[in-house]
Amino acid sequence: MTTPKVVVDERGFTLSEVLIAVVILGVAITALLGSLSSVLYTSRAHRNLATADSGVRAYAEQLQAASYARCASVTGAGAYPAMTNMPAAFSVTITKVEYGDVLTGSNPTDAFSTTQSQCQTGVTGDGTPYDTGVERITIVAHPFSGPGSQTLQIVKRNPVETS
């Protein structure tokens, strides 16, 4: 009777080799998905920033074409018109209107220190409007969700004022 011959050279992988390969693949796939998530977030932020930039510039052009509003407010009566053709999922608004001040001399940091009430009623409160014909308007565009806000300041001049 002959004994069965045992084949010693069975080709294959051991359990530990398979587990190490699975762990390496898991780490690689996790790194790829993490970088893909980062790329998608950065792409969205860049797209939002580009759209916000386009929005504030379009609104600035609209405001430059609009007639000068003496002692304009941010909202309500006497405000500049709201933006037309606003980008989808974005808010583009005027957040601040500052009024030119000729009393400050040549100091550019104080060139827009007149308040709205001073513009409407006069610096001394005598009721004489004090509008120098120059306003600095701050426009902000931001998406309803996510990153990508953009701010732009423009100077609006009254074409009939002489300085």
Protein backbone atom coordinates (compact mmCIF):
# COMPACT_ATOMS: atom_id res chain seq x y z
CA MET A 1 0.00 0.00 0.00
CA THR A 2 1.31 3.33 -0.98
CA THR A 3 0.82 6.40 1.09
CA PRO A 4 -0.70 9.43 -0.57
CA LYS A 5 1.86 11.97 -1.53
CA VAL A 6 1.35 15.33 0.18
CA VAL A 7 1.79 18.29 -2.08
CA VAL A 8 3.93 20.77 -0.26
CA ASP A 9 4.00 23.43 -2.92
CA GLU A 10 0.40 24.75 -2.76
CA ARG A 11 0.36 28.19 -4.25
CA GLY A 12 -1.77 30.85 -2.49
CA PHE A 13 -1.80 33.60 0.09
CA THR A 14 -1.91 33.28 3.81
CA LEU A 15 -4.59 34.95 5.86
CA SER A 16 -2.15 37.52 7.24
CA GLU A 17 -1.08 38.51 3.71
CA VAL A 18 -4.70 39.03 2.65
CA LEU A 19 -5.47 41.08 5.77
CA ILE A 20 -2.44 43.35 5.20
CA ALA A 21 -3.49 43.88 1.58
CA VAL A 22 -7.05 44.78 2.66
CA VAL A 23 -5.74 47.26 5.24
CA ILE A 24 -3.46 48.92 2.67
CA LEU A 25 -6.32 49.20 0.17
CA GLY A 26 -8.59 50.63 2.87
CA VAL A 27 -6.07 53.33 3.78
CA ALA A 28 -5.53 54.22 0.11
CA ILE A 29 -9.26 54.47 -0.62
CA THR A 30 -9.83 56.57 2.52
CA ALA A 31 -7.06 58.97 1.45
CA LEU A 32 -8.54 59.25 -2.06
CA LEU A 33 -12.05 59.95 -0.76
CA GLY A 34 -10.69 62.53 1.69
CA SER A 35 -8.83 64.37 -1.03
CA LEU A 36 -11.86 64.19 -3.34
CA SER A 37 -13.98 65.77 -0.60
CA SER A 38 -11.42 68.53 -0.18
CA VAL A 39 -11.32 69.17 -3.93
CA LEU A 40 -15.12 69.38 -4.10
CA TYR A 41 -15.25 71.85 -1.19
CA THR A 42 -12.51 74.01 -2.71
CA SER A 43 -14.22 73.94 -6.11
CA ARG A 44 -17.51 75.04 -4.55
CA ALA A 45 -15.80 77.84 -2.63
CA HIS A 46 -14.04 79.04 -5.78
CA ARG A 47 -17.28 78.91 -7.81
CA ASN A 48 -19.11 80.86 -5.08
CA LEU A 49 -16.33 83.43 -4.93
CA ALA A 50 -16.38 83.92 -8.71
CA THR A 51 -20.19 84.25 -8.73
CA ALA A 52 -20.11 86.68 -5.78
CA ASP A 53 -17.45 88.76 -7.53
CA SER A 54 -19.56 88.87 -10.68
CA GLY A 55 -22.60 89.83 -8.59
CA VAL A 56 -20.98 92.75 -6.76
CA ARG A 57 -19.47 94.09 -9.98
CA ALA A 58 -22.81 93.87 -11.81
CA TYR A 59 -24.53 95.69 -8.93
CA ALA A 60 -21.77 98.32 -8.87
CA GLU A 61 -22.37 98.97 -12.57
CA GLN A 62 -26.11 99.20 -11.91
CA LEU A 63 -25.50 101.73 -9.11
CA GLN A 64 -23.12 103.78 -11.24
CA ALA A 65 -25.84 104.00 -13.93
CA ALA A 66 -28.53 104.95 -11.37
CA SER A 67 -29.15 108.58 -10.55
CA TYR A 68 -27.47 110.01 -7.46
CA ALA A 69 -29.53 109.62 -4.27
CA ARG A 70 -28.89 112.57 -1.96
CA CYS A 71 -28.05 111.34 1.56
CA ALA A 72 -28.97 107.79 0.56
CA SER A 73 -29.85 105.20 3.19
CA VAL A 74 -29.09 101.50 3.12
CA THR A 75 -32.76 100.51 2.96
CA GLY A 76 -36.14 102.19 2.83
CA ALA A 77 -36.96 105.61 1.44
CA GLY A 78 -34.03 107.33 -0.20
CA ALA A 79 -32.12 104.10 -0.79
CA TYR A 80 -30.56 103.07 -4.06
CA PRO A 81 -32.54 100.48 -6.05
CA ALA A 82 -32.10 96.80 -5.26
CA MET A 83 -30.07 94.67 -7.63
CA THR A 84 -31.82 93.37 -10.71
CA ASN A 85 -30.94 89.95 -12.14
CA MET A 86 -29.44 88.71 -8.89
CA PRO A 87 -27.39 85.49 -9.19
CA ALA A 88 -29.31 82.39 -8.09
CA ALA A 89 -28.79 81.38 -4.44
CA PHE A 90 -26.96 84.65 -3.67
CA SER A 91 -27.75 87.80 -1.77
CA VAL A 92 -26.26 91.03 -3.13
CA THR A 93 -26.98 94.09 -0.99
CA ILE A 94 -25.72 97.49 0.06
CA THR A 95 -24.45 97.19 3.62
CA LYS A 96 -23.13 100.70 4.20
CA VAL A 97 -23.36 104.19 2.71
CA GLU A 98 -20.80 106.74 3.88
CA TYR A 99 -20.98 110.42 3.02
CA GLY A 100 -18.14 112.62 1.82
CA ASP A 101 -16.84 115.22 4.22
CA VAL A 102 -15.07 118.32 2.96
CA LEU A 103 -14.45 119.61 6.48
CA THR A 104 -11.75 117.04 7.22
CA GLY A 105 -9.17 118.58 4.93
CA SER A 106 -6.74 116.26 3.22
CA ASN A 107 -6.85 113.34 5.65
CA PRO A 108 -8.14 110.43 3.49
CA THR A 109 -9.05 108.27 6.50
CA ASP A 110 -11.67 110.83 7.55
CA ALA A 111 -12.88 111.64 4.04
CA PHE A 112 -16.19 109.85 4.67
CA SER A 113 -16.93 110.74 8.30
CA THR A 114 -20.22 112.60 7.84
CA THR A 115 -23.20 110.69 9.27
CA GLN A 116 -26.52 110.30 7.47
CA SER A 117 -28.29 112.61 9.92
CA GLN A 118 -25.60 115.28 9.35
CA CYS A 119 -26.01 114.82 5.61
CA GLN A 120 -29.78 115.33 5.90
CA THR A 121 -29.96 118.09 8.52
CA GLY A 122 -26.57 119.75 8.33
CA VAL A 123 -23.37 119.40 10.32
CA THR A 124 -24.34 122.15 12.74
CA GLY A 125 -27.94 120.95 13.05
CA ASP A 126 -29.37 124.10 11.48
CA GLY A 127 -31.46 122.05 9.03
CA THR A 128 -29.41 122.94 5.97
CA PRO A 129 -28.54 119.70 4.16
CA TYR A 130 -24.85 119.00 4.04
CA ASP A 131 -24.39 116.77 1.02
CA THR A 132 -21.00 117.11 -0.64
CA GLY A 133 -22.14 115.07 -3.62
CA VAL A 134 -19.86 112.12 -2.83
CA GLU A 135 -20.90 108.81 -1.27
CA ARG A 136 -18.92 105.63 -0.65
CA ILE A 137 -21.16 102.60 -1.03
CA THR A 138 -20.22 99.15 0.30
CA ILE A 139 -21.73 96.22 -1.60
CA VAL A 140 -21.62 92.65 -0.25
CA ALA A 141 -22.53 89.44 -2.06
CA HIS A 142 -22.71 86.14 -0.26
CA PRO A 143 -24.20 82.74 -1.02
CA PHE A 144 -27.16 81.49 0.98
CA SER A 145 -24.99 78.53 2.04
CA GLY A 146 -21.28 77.80 1.95
CA PRO A 147 -18.19 79.98 1.65
CA GLY A 148 -17.49 82.67 -0.91
CA SER A 149 -18.50 86.19 0.19
CA GLN A 150 -17.24 89.20 -1.73
CA THR A 151 -17.19 92.90 -0.78
CA LEU A 152 -16.73 95.90 -3.06
CA GLN A 153 -16.70 99.63 -2.33
CA ILE A 154 -17.57 102.21 -4.96
CA VAL A 155 -17.61 105.98 -4.85
CA LYS A 156 -20.74 107.58 -6.30
CA ARG A 157 -20.58 111.24 -7.26
CA ASN A 158 -23.40 113.66 -7.96
CA PRO A 159 -22.69 114.94 -11.47
CA VAL A 160 -24.30 118.35 -10.79
CA GLU A 161 -22.25 119.09 -7.67
CA THR A 162 -19.20 121.26 -8.18
CA SER A 163 -16.31 120.98 -5.79
